[in-house]
Amino acid sequence: MQFHEFEKSVPEAKDIADEFMIKGLYFKKYFDKTTGLMRGINADGSWRTPFRPRYSSHEKSDYVEGNAWQWSFFVPHAPEELIALYGSADRFEAQLDTLFNTESIIEGENASGDITGLIGQYAHGNEPSHHMAYLYNWTNAPYKTQERVDQILYDFYKPTPEGIIGNEDCGQMSAWYVLSALGFYQVCPGDPTFTIGRPIIDYASIVVPGGKFEIEVHNNSRKNKYVQKIVLNGNQLSKSFFYYNEIMKGGKLEFFMANTPK
């Protein structure tokens, strides 16, 4: 589908919010089912070739500050619709596995210096990757989120002179650490949904309008990185999600940990 045809296929924008909601779905146009990645498209609607998903040329290629691997999962506002492009949550999980497990090789003589903190092709040193470890919570393997968050927390944040693994733009590298250390993360800014990770603190208390929001982690240790049960205000969560208003009104979030996945 060419670009002008794509625009005709969506309703006319009535206001700014509608306009950007429509633009927020343009990622579907660039998804290549053959590779499972986002690709550049020529004016005639054909794919840009050759396609080198590890290739980066800073500000001169189809991907800014990254490559096809690092941008193909950047749909924090619509993870369900991204997964639908793969046909199933299991296929999406497999592609996430490849992201984290493939070789950490960046091709190109003018590769972006922003590509740092690599696990496979995941680049924690640049903000567009920061939500990707949490995307396993939309699959049938949320324990993989816990594994990857644990790895990032302990391997990429060191009390040494080099400190963090990437660029501290607007404090995002630190913000990721603080939220992830508490055991949850907001995948999409502006969406009041928080998703569960792997807490490394044993206890925290946050002052909120409703009083205080407490986080307590039971049986926590370096080895016990897997969440077995999550209880919010006495009620066990059935999914790895809760909401901003539940934090703001105060209460208690409890994690129960073990050394094996649930």
C-alpha atoms as a PDB file:
ATOM      1  CA  MET A   1       0.000   0.000   0.000  1.00  0.00           C
ATOM      2  CA  GLN A   2       1.466   3.352  -1.001  1.00  0.00           C
ATOM      3  CA  PHE A   3       1.478   6.269   1.420  1.00  0.00           C
ATOM      4  CA  HIS A   4      -1.355   8.273  -0.160  1.00  0.00           C
ATOM      5  CA  GLU A   5      -3.497   5.130  -0.311  1.00  0.00           C
ATOM      6  CA  PHE A   6      -2.798   4.453   3.367  1.00  0.00           C
ATOM      7  CA  GLU A   7      -3.989   7.937   4.323  1.00  0.00           C
ATOM      8  CA  LYS A   8      -7.222   7.433   2.390  1.00  0.00           C
ATOM      9  CA  SER A   9      -7.888   4.192   4.290  1.00  0.00           C
ATOM     10  CA  VAL A  10      -8.235   5.917   7.680  1.00  0.00           C
ATOM     11  CA  PRO A  11     -10.991   8.304   8.826  1.00  0.00           C
ATOM     12  CA  GLU A  12     -10.440  12.021   8.371  1.00  0.00           C
ATOM     13  CA  ALA A  13      -8.892  13.551  11.504  1.00  0.00           C
ATOM     14  CA  LYS A  14     -11.372  15.722  13.404  1.00  0.00           C
ATOM     15  CA  ASP A  15      -8.895  17.298  15.814  1.00  0.00           C
ATOM     16  CA  ILE A  16      -5.268  17.091  16.856  1.00  0.00           C
ATOM     17  CA  ALA A  17      -5.781  14.021  19.021  1.00  0.00           C
ATOM     18  CA  ASP A  18      -7.501  12.146  16.198  1.00  0.00           C
ATOM     19  CA  GLU A  19      -4.782  13.188  13.778  1.00  0.00           C
ATOM     20  CA  PHE A  20      -2.009  11.780  15.930  1.00  0.00           C
ATOM     21  CA  MET A  21      -3.961   8.640  16.755  1.00  0.00           C
ATOM     22  CA  ILE A  22      -4.018   7.980  13.020  1.00  0.00           C
ATOM     23  CA  LYS A  23      -0.334   8.747  12.610  1.00  0.00           C
ATOM     24  CA  GLY A  24       0.360   6.450  15.544  1.00  0.00           C
ATOM     25  CA  LEU A  25      -0.720   3.516  13.371  1.00  0.00           C
ATOM     26  CA  TYR A  26       1.602   4.301  10.464  1.00  0.00           C
ATOM     27  CA  PHE A  27       4.039   1.718  11.798  1.00  0.00           C
ATOM     28  CA  LYS A  28       1.838  -0.936  10.179  1.00  0.00           C
ATOM     29  CA  LYS A  29       2.850   0.393   6.765  1.00  0.00           C
ATOM     30  CA  TYR A  30       6.529  -0.287   7.418  1.00  0.00           C
ATOM     31  CA  PHE A  31       6.206  -3.798   8.844  1.00  0.00           C
ATOM     32  CA  ASP A  32       7.758  -6.473   6.646  1.00  0.00           C
ATOM     33  CA  LYS A  33       6.179  -9.853   7.400  1.00  0.00           C
ATOM     34  CA  THR A  34       9.085 -11.659   5.768  1.00  0.00           C
ATOM     35  CA  THR A  35      11.691 -10.332   8.192  1.00  0.00           C
ATOM     36  CA  GLY A  36       9.422  -9.403  11.095  1.00  0.00           C
ATOM     37  CA  LEU A  37      11.057  -5.966  11.164  1.00  0.00           C
ATOM     38  CA  MET A  38      10.263  -2.409  10.114  1.00  0.00           C
ATOM     39  CA  ARG A  39      11.786  -1.389   6.764  1.00  0.00           C
ATOM     40  CA  GLY A  40      12.190   1.714   4.689  1.00  0.00           C
ATOM     41  CA  ILE A  41       9.880   2.106   1.690  1.00  0.00           C
ATOM     42  CA  ASN A  42      10.601   3.766  -1.645  1.00  0.00           C
ATOM     43  CA  ALA A  43       8.274   6.341  -3.231  1.00  0.00           C
ATOM     44  CA  ASP A  44       6.794   3.645  -5.472  1.00  0.00           C
ATOM     45  CA  GLY A  45       5.873   1.519  -2.434  1.00  0.00           C
ATOM     46  CA  SER A  46       8.661  -1.047  -2.847  1.00  0.00           C
ATOM     47  CA  TRP A  47      10.967  -2.047  -0.012  1.00  0.00           C
ATOM     48  CA  ARG A  48      14.319  -0.315   0.277  1.00  0.00           C
ATOM     49  CA  THR A  49      17.083  -2.740  -0.675  1.00  0.00           C
ATOM     50  CA  PRO A  50      19.488  -4.088   0.270  1.00  0.00           C
ATOM     51  CA  PHE A  51      18.094  -4.636   3.737  1.00  0.00           C
ATOM     52  CA  ARG A  52      20.730  -4.887   6.478  1.00  0.00           C
ATOM     53  CA  PRO A  53      18.942  -4.898   9.847  1.00  0.00           C
ATOM     54  CA  ARG A  54      22.205  -4.403  11.810  1.00  0.00           C
ATOM     55  CA  TYR A  55      23.323  -1.478   9.639  1.00  0.00           C
ATOM     56  CA  SER A  56      23.509   2.057  11.020  1.00  0.00           C
ATOM     57  CA  SER A  57      24.634   5.292   9.384  1.00  0.00           C
ATOM     58  CA  HIS A  58      24.149   8.169  11.787  1.00  0.00           C
ATOM     59  CA  GLU A  59      21.414  10.514  10.497  1.00  0.00           C
ATOM     60  CA  LYS A  60      21.918   9.191   6.946  1.00  0.00           C
ATOM     61  CA  SER A  61      19.859   5.998   6.912  1.00  0.00           C
ATOM     62  CA  ASP A  62      16.221   5.022   7.440  1.00  0.00           C
ATOM     63  CA  TYR A  63      16.796   4.786  11.215  1.00  0.00           C
ATOM     64  CA  VAL A  64      17.981   7.614  13.462  1.00  0.00           C
ATOM     65  CA  GLU A  65      20.345   6.663  16.321  1.00  0.00           C
ATOM     66  CA  GLY A  66      19.758   2.970  15.700  1.00  0.00           C
ATOM     67  CA  ASN A  67      19.029   0.235  13.202  1.00  0.00           C
ATOM     68  CA  ALA A  68      16.090  -1.916  12.157  1.00  0.00           C
ATOM     69  CA  TRP A  69      16.335  -4.133  15.223  1.00  0.00           C
ATOM     70  CA  GLN A  70      16.343  -1.232  17.654  1.00  0.00           C
ATOM     71  CA  TRP A  71      13.401   0.578  16.074  1.00  0.00           C
ATOM     72  CA  SER A  72      11.120  -2.277  15.038  1.00  0.00           C
ATOM     73  CA  PHE A  73       9.767  -2.739  18.575  1.00  0.00           C
ATOM     74  CA  PHE A  74       9.226   0.962  19.225  1.00  0.00           C
ATOM     75  CA  VAL A  75       5.443   0.872  19.403  1.00  0.00           C
ATOM     76  CA  PRO A  76       4.935   1.514  23.133  1.00  0.00           C
ATOM     77  CA  HIS A  77       1.505   3.045  22.536  1.00  0.00           C
ATOM     78  CA  ALA A  78       0.040  -0.003  20.771  1.00  0.00           C
ATOM     79  CA  PRO A  79       1.754  -3.272  21.786  1.00  0.00           C
ATOM     80  CA  GLU A  80      -1.353  -5.336  21.069  1.00  0.00           C
ATOM     81  CA  GLU A  81      -1.501  -4.042  17.502  1.00  0.00           C
ATOM     82  CA  LEU A  82       2.216  -4.650  17.043  1.00  0.00           C
ATOM     83  CA  ILE A  83       1.807  -8.248  18.225  1.00  0.00           C
ATOM     84  CA  ALA A  84      -1.121  -8.702  15.827  1.00  0.00           C
ATOM     85  CA  LEU A  85       1.260  -8.054  12.920  1.00  0.00           C
ATOM     86  CA  TYR A  86       3.163 -11.211  13.912  1.00  0.00           C
ATOM     87  CA  GLY A  87       0.011 -13.306  13.968  1.00  0.00           C
ATOM     88  CA  SER A  88       0.356 -14.525  17.553  1.00  0.00           C
ATOM     89  CA  ALA A  89       1.915 -13.683  20.898  1.00  0.00           C
ATOM     90  CA  ASP A  90       4.184 -16.730  20.572  1.00  0.00           C
ATOM     91  CA  ARG A  91       5.651 -15.493  17.278  1.00  0.00           C
ATOM     92  CA  PHE A  92       6.176 -12.068  18.798  1.00  0.00           C
ATOM     93  CA  GLU A  93       7.906 -13.676  21.784  1.00  0.00           C
ATOM     94  CA  ALA A  94      10.218 -15.553  19.417  1.00  0.00           C
ATOM     95  CA  GLN A  95      11.158 -12.288  17.678  1.00  0.00           C
ATOM     96  CA  LEU A  96      11.885 -10.663  21.041  1.00  0.00           C
ATOM     97  CA  ASP A  97      14.087 -13.655  21.858  1.00  0.00           C
ATOM     98  CA  THR A  98      16.017 -13.035  18.649  1.00  0.00           C
ATOM     99  CA  LEU A  99      16.383  -9.341  19.497  1.00  0.00           C
ATOM    100  CA  PHE A 100      18.085 -10.190  22.786  1.00  0.00           C
ATOM    101  CA  ASN A 101      20.021 -13.262  21.661  1.00  0.00           C
ATOM    102  CA  THR A 102      21.378 -12.356  18.224  1.00  0.00           C
ATOM    103  CA  GLU A 103      24.951 -11.150  17.731  1.00  0.00           C
ATOM    104  CA  SER A 104      25.813  -7.707  19.099  1.00  0.00           C
ATOM    105  CA  ILE A 105      27.359  -6.556  15.839  1.00  0.00           C
ATOM    106  CA  ILE A 106      26.592  -3.097  14.460  1.00  0.00           C
ATOM    107  CA  GLU A 107      27.400  -2.728  10.766  1.00  0.00           C
ATOM    108  CA  GLY A 108      28.410   0.488   9.028  1.00  0.00           C
ATOM    109  CA  GLU A 109      31.440   2.781   9.104  1.00  0.00           C
ATOM    110  CA  ASN A 110      29.313   5.701  10.314  1.00  0.00           C
ATOM    111  CA  ALA A 111      27.267   3.783  12.907  1.00  0.00           C
ATOM    112  CA  SER A 112      25.522   5.935  15.485  1.00  0.00           C
ATOM    113  CA  GLY A 113      27.466   6.488  18.683  1.00  0.00           C
ATOM    114  CA  ASP A 114      24.148   6.307  20.537  1.00  0.00           C
ATOM    115  CA  ILE A 115      24.006   2.525  20.091  1.00  0.00           C
ATOM    116  CA  THR A 116      25.458   1.324  23.409  1.00  0.00           C
ATOM    117  CA  GLY A 117      24.613  -1.139  26.148  1.00  0.00           C
ATOM    118  CA  LEU A 118      23.943  -4.018  23.798  1.00  0.00           C
ATOM    119  CA  ILE A 119      22.250  -7.288  24.688  1.00  0.00           C
ATOM    120  CA  GLY A 120      21.996  -8.881  21.289  1.00  0.00           C
ATOM    121  CA  GLN A 121      20.612  -5.955  19.280  1.00  0.00           C
ATOM    122  CA  TYR A 122      18.757  -4.447  22.251  1.00  0.00           C
ATOM    123  CA  ALA A 123      20.489  -1.137  23.067  1.00  0.00           C
ATOM    124  CA  HIS A 124      19.874  -0.020  26.629  1.00  0.00           C
ATOM    125  CA  GLY A 125      22.134   2.999  26.187  1.00  0.00           C
ATOM    126  CA  ASN A 126      19.467   4.781  24.132  1.00  0.00           C
ATOM    127  CA  GLU A 127      15.941   5.506  25.317  1.00  0.00           C
ATOM    128  CA  PRO A 128      13.910   4.010  22.426  1.00  0.00           C
ATOM    129  CA  SER A 129      14.841   0.515  23.642  1.00  0.00           C
ATOM    130  CA  HIS A 130      13.901   1.022  27.287  1.00  0.00           C
ATOM    131  CA  HIS A 131      10.441  -0.513  27.216  1.00  0.00           C
ATOM    132  CA  MET A 132      11.363  -3.594  25.183  1.00  0.00           C
ATOM    133  CA  ALA A 133      12.322  -5.959  28.002  1.00  0.00           C
ATOM    134  CA  TYR A 134       8.841  -5.386  29.424  1.00  0.00           C
ATOM    135  CA  LEU A 135       7.078  -6.453  26.213  1.00  0.00           C
ATOM    136  CA  TYR A 136       7.265 -10.104  27.282  1.00  0.00           C
ATOM    137  CA  ASN A 137       4.410  -9.238  29.659  1.00  0.00           C
ATOM    138  CA  TRP A 138       2.152  -9.147  26.594  1.00  0.00           C
ATOM    139  CA  THR A 139       3.185 -12.724  25.739  1.00  0.00           C
ATOM    140  CA  ASN A 140       2.845 -16.056  27.513  1.00  0.00           C
ATOM    141  CA  ALA A 141       6.331 -15.727  29.013  1.00  0.00           C
ATOM    142  CA  PRO A 142       6.381 -12.799  31.467  1.00  0.00           C
ATOM    143  CA  TYR A 143       9.244 -14.483  33.329  1.00  0.00           C
ATOM    144  CA  LYS A 144      11.488 -13.407  30.442  1.00  0.00           C
ATOM    145  CA  THR A 145      10.806  -9.789  31.370  1.00  0.00           C
ATOM    146  CA  GLN A 146      12.015 -10.601  34.875  1.00  0.00           C
ATOM    147  CA  GLU A 147      15.195 -12.206  33.522  1.00  0.00           C
ATOM    148  CA  ARG A 148      16.081  -9.332  31.216  1.00  0.00           C
ATOM    149  CA  VAL A 149      15.265  -6.587  33.733  1.00  0.00           C
ATOM    150  CA  ASP A 150      17.421  -8.374  36.312  1.00  0.00           C
ATOM    151  CA  GLN A 151      20.288  -8.553  33.818  1.00  0.00           C
ATOM    152  CA  ILE A 152      20.053  -4.869  32.925  1.00  0.00           C
ATOM    153  CA  LEU A 153      19.749  -3.673  36.522  1.00  0.00           C
ATOM    154  CA  TYR A 154      22.821  -5.561  37.678  1.00  0.00           C
ATOM    155  CA  ASP A 155      25.046  -5.414  34.584  1.00  0.00           C
ATOM    156  CA  PHE A 156      24.470  -1.916  33.242  1.00  0.00           C
ATOM    157  CA  TYR A 157      24.322   0.217  36.387  1.00  0.00           C
ATOM    158  CA  LYS A 158      27.602   0.150  38.295  1.00  0.00           C
ATOM    159  CA  PRO A 159      28.968   2.250  41.200  1.00  0.00           C
ATOM    160  CA  THR A 160      32.073   2.971  39.134  1.00  0.00           C
ATOM    161  CA  PRO A 161      33.401   6.073  37.312  1.00  0.00           C
ATOM    162  CA  GLU A 162      31.809   5.080  33.993  1.00  0.00           C
ATOM    163  CA  GLY A 163      28.441   4.681  35.726  1.00  0.00           C
ATOM    164  CA  ILE A 164      25.523   4.185  33.348  1.00  0.00           C
ATOM    165  CA  ILE A 165      25.797   2.450  29.984  1.00  0.00           C
ATOM    166  CA  GLY A 166      24.491   5.290  27.792  1.00  0.00           C
ATOM    167  CA  ASN A 167      23.358   8.890  27.427  1.00  0.00           C
ATOM    168  CA  GLU A 168      21.421  10.311  30.397  1.00  0.00           C
ATOM    169  CA  ASP A 169      19.023  12.372  28.227  1.00  0.00           C
ATOM    170  CA  CYS A 170      16.545  14.189  30.494  1.00  0.00           C
ATOM    171  CA  GLY A 171      17.279  11.673  33.263  1.00  0.00           C
ATOM    172  CA  GLN A 172      15.707   8.713  31.447  1.00  0.00           C
ATOM    173  CA  MET A 173      18.534   6.262  32.167  1.00  0.00           C
ATOM    174  CA  SER A 174      18.119   6.928  35.882  1.00  0.00           C
ATOM    175  CA  ALA A 175      14.320   7.002  35.727  1.00  0.00           C
ATOM    176  CA  TRP A 176      14.349   3.530  34.141  1.00  0.00           C
ATOM    177  CA  TYR A 177      16.526   2.274  36.986  1.00  0.00           C
ATOM    178  CA  VAL A 178      14.418   3.783  39.771  1.00  0.00           C
ATOM    179  CA  LEU A 179      11.122   2.429  38.443  1.00  0.00           C
ATOM    180  CA  SER A 180      12.574  -0.954  37.521  1.00  0.00           C
ATOM    181  CA  ALA A 181      14.240  -1.320  40.918  1.00  0.00           C
ATOM    182  CA  LEU A 182      10.807  -0.800  42.502  1.00  0.00           C
ATOM    183  CA  GLY A 183       9.455  -3.625  40.359  1.00  0.00           C
ATOM    184  CA  PHE A 184       7.283  -1.936  37.736  1.00  0.00           C
ATOM    185  CA  TYR A 185       7.483   0.297  34.672  1.00  0.00           C
ATOM    186  CA  GLN A 186       5.281   2.548  32.541  1.00  0.00           C
ATOM    187  CA  VAL A 187       5.790   1.277  28.998  1.00  0.00           C
ATOM    188  CA  CYS A 188       3.930   4.150  27.341  1.00  0.00           C
ATOM    189  CA  PRO A 189       4.185   7.698  28.740  1.00  0.00           C
ATOM    190  CA  GLY A 190       0.696   9.131  29.129  1.00  0.00           C
ATOM    191  CA  ASP A 191      -0.899   5.699  29.483  1.00  0.00           C
ATOM    192  CA  PRO A 192      -1.716   5.169  33.188  1.00  0.00           C
ATOM    193  CA  THR A 193      -0.788   1.474  32.990  1.00  0.00           C
ATOM    194  CA  PHE A 194       2.186   0.042  34.865  1.00  0.00           C
ATOM    195  CA  THR A 195       3.575  -3.413  34.159  1.00  0.00           C
ATOM    196  CA  ILE A 196       5.476  -5.738  36.475  1.00  0.00           C
ATOM    197  CA  GLY A 197       9.203  -6.406  36.286  1.00  0.00           C
ATOM    198  CA  ARG A 198      11.737  -7.677  38.802  1.00  0.00           C
ATOM    199  CA  PRO A 199      12.138  -5.598  41.997  1.00  0.00           C
ATOM    200  CA  ILE A 200      15.587  -5.438  43.571  1.00  0.00           C
ATOM    201  CA  ILE A 201      14.565  -3.433  46.646  1.00  0.00           C
ATOM    202  CA  ASP A 202      13.160  -5.187  49.717  1.00  0.00           C
ATOM    203  CA  TYR A 203      10.952  -2.317  50.818  1.00  0.00           C
ATOM    204  CA  ALA A 204      10.035   1.184  49.684  1.00  0.00           C
ATOM    205  CA  SER A 205       7.463   3.758  50.706  1.00  0.00           C
ATOM    206  CA  ILE A 206       6.323   6.498  48.318  1.00  0.00           C
ATOM    207  CA  VAL A 207       4.417   9.557  49.540  1.00  0.00           C
ATOM    208  CA  VAL A 208       1.282  10.003  47.403  1.00  0.00           C
ATOM    209  CA  PRO A 209      -1.896  12.115  47.689  1.00  0.00           C
ATOM    210  CA  GLY A 210      -3.673   9.167  49.325  1.00  0.00           C
ATOM    211  CA  GLY A 211      -1.011   8.791  52.008  1.00  0.00           C
ATOM    212  CA  LYS A 212       1.713   6.336  51.100  1.00  0.00           C
ATOM    213  CA  PHE A 213       2.202   3.568  48.577  1.00  0.00           C
ATOM    214  CA  GLU A 214       4.318   0.763  49.989  1.00  0.00           C
ATOM    215  CA  ILE A 215       6.237  -1.872  48.079  1.00  0.00           C
ATOM    216  CA  GLU A 216       7.352  -4.961  49.980  1.00  0.00           C
ATOM    217  CA  VAL A 217       9.290  -7.825  48.402  1.00  0.00           C
ATOM    218  CA  HIS A 218       9.243 -11.202  50.123  1.00  0.00           C
ATOM    219  CA  ASN A 219      12.040 -13.782  49.789  1.00  0.00           C
ATOM    220  CA  ASN A 220      14.090 -11.387  47.703  1.00  0.00           C
ATOM    221  CA  SER A 221      17.702 -12.135  46.784  1.00  0.00           C
ATOM    222  CA  ARG A 222      20.096 -11.932  43.842  1.00  0.00           C
ATOM    223  CA  LYS A 223      19.101 -15.485  42.827  1.00  0.00           C
ATOM    224  CA  ASN A 224      15.385 -15.071  43.492  1.00  0.00           C
ATOM    225  CA  LYS A 225      14.602 -12.974  40.438  1.00  0.00           C
ATOM    226  CA  TYR A 226      11.296 -14.594  39.467  1.00  0.00           C
ATOM    227  CA  VAL A 227       7.940 -13.251  40.602  1.00  0.00           C
ATOM    228  CA  GLN A 228       5.646 -15.986  41.899  1.00  0.00           C
ATOM    229  CA  LYS A 229       2.766 -13.857  43.104  1.00  0.00           C
ATOM    230  CA  ILE A 230       1.789 -10.176  43.195  1.00  0.00           C
ATOM    231  CA  VAL A 231      -0.678  -8.849  45.762  1.00  0.00           C
ATOM    232  CA  LEU A 232      -2.117  -5.340  45.601  1.00  0.00           C
ATOM    233  CA  ASN A 233      -4.007  -4.201  48.691  1.00  0.00           C
ATOM    234  CA  GLY A 234      -4.699  -7.790  49.683  1.00  0.00           C
ATOM    235  CA  ASN A 235      -5.873  -8.914  46.236  1.00  0.00           C
ATOM    236  CA  GLN A 236      -3.721 -11.147  44.060  1.00  0.00           C
ATOM    237  CA  LEU A 237      -3.190  -9.768  40.565  1.00  0.00           C
ATOM    238  CA  SER A 238      -4.148 -12.128  37.757  1.00  0.00           C
ATOM    239  CA  LYS A 239      -2.060 -10.231  35.193  1.00  0.00           C
ATOM    240  CA  SER A 240       1.209  -8.297  35.242  1.00  0.00           C
ATOM    241  CA  PHE A 241      -0.484  -4.891  35.144  1.00  0.00           C
ATOM    242  CA  PHE A 242      -1.923  -2.284  37.494  1.00  0.00           C
ATOM    243  CA  TYR A 243      -2.797   1.413  37.233  1.00  0.00           C
ATOM    244  CA  TYR A 244      -1.633   4.882  38.201  1.00  0.00           C
ATOM    245  CA  ASN A 245      -4.732   5.672  40.270  1.00  0.00           C
ATOM    246  CA  GLU A 246      -4.029   2.594  42.403  1.00  0.00           C
ATOM    247  CA  ILE A 247      -0.669   4.111  43.305  1.00  0.00           C
ATOM    248  CA  MET A 248      -2.028   7.601  43.939  1.00  0.00           C
ATOM    249  CA  LYS A 249      -4.709   6.522  46.393  1.00  0.00           C
ATOM    250  CA  GLY A 250      -2.120   4.728  48.513  1.00  0.00           C
ATOM    251  CA  GLY A 251      -1.879   1.122  49.543  1.00  0.00           C
ATOM    252  CA  LYS A 252       0.541  -1.776  49.401  1.00  0.00           C
ATOM    253  CA  LEU A 253       2.054  -3.784  46.574  1.00  0.00           C
ATOM    254  CA  GLU A 254       3.654  -7.085  47.579  1.00  0.00           C
ATOM    255  CA  PHE A 255       5.941  -9.317  45.542  1.00  0.00           C
ATOM    256  CA  PHE A 256       6.681 -12.942  46.388  1.00  0.00           C
ATOM    257  CA  MET A 257       9.909 -14.141  44.774  1.00  0.00           C
ATOM    258  CA  ALA A 258      11.644 -17.454  43.990  1.00  0.00           C
ATOM    259  CA  ASN A 259      14.590 -18.783  41.977  1.00  0.00           C
ATOM    260  CA  THR A 260      12.540 -20.521  39.294  1.00  0.00           C
ATOM    261  CA  PRO A 261      10.022 -19.122  36.789  1.00  0.00           C
ATOM    262  CA  LYS A 262       6.358 -19.547  37.525  1.00  0.00           C
END
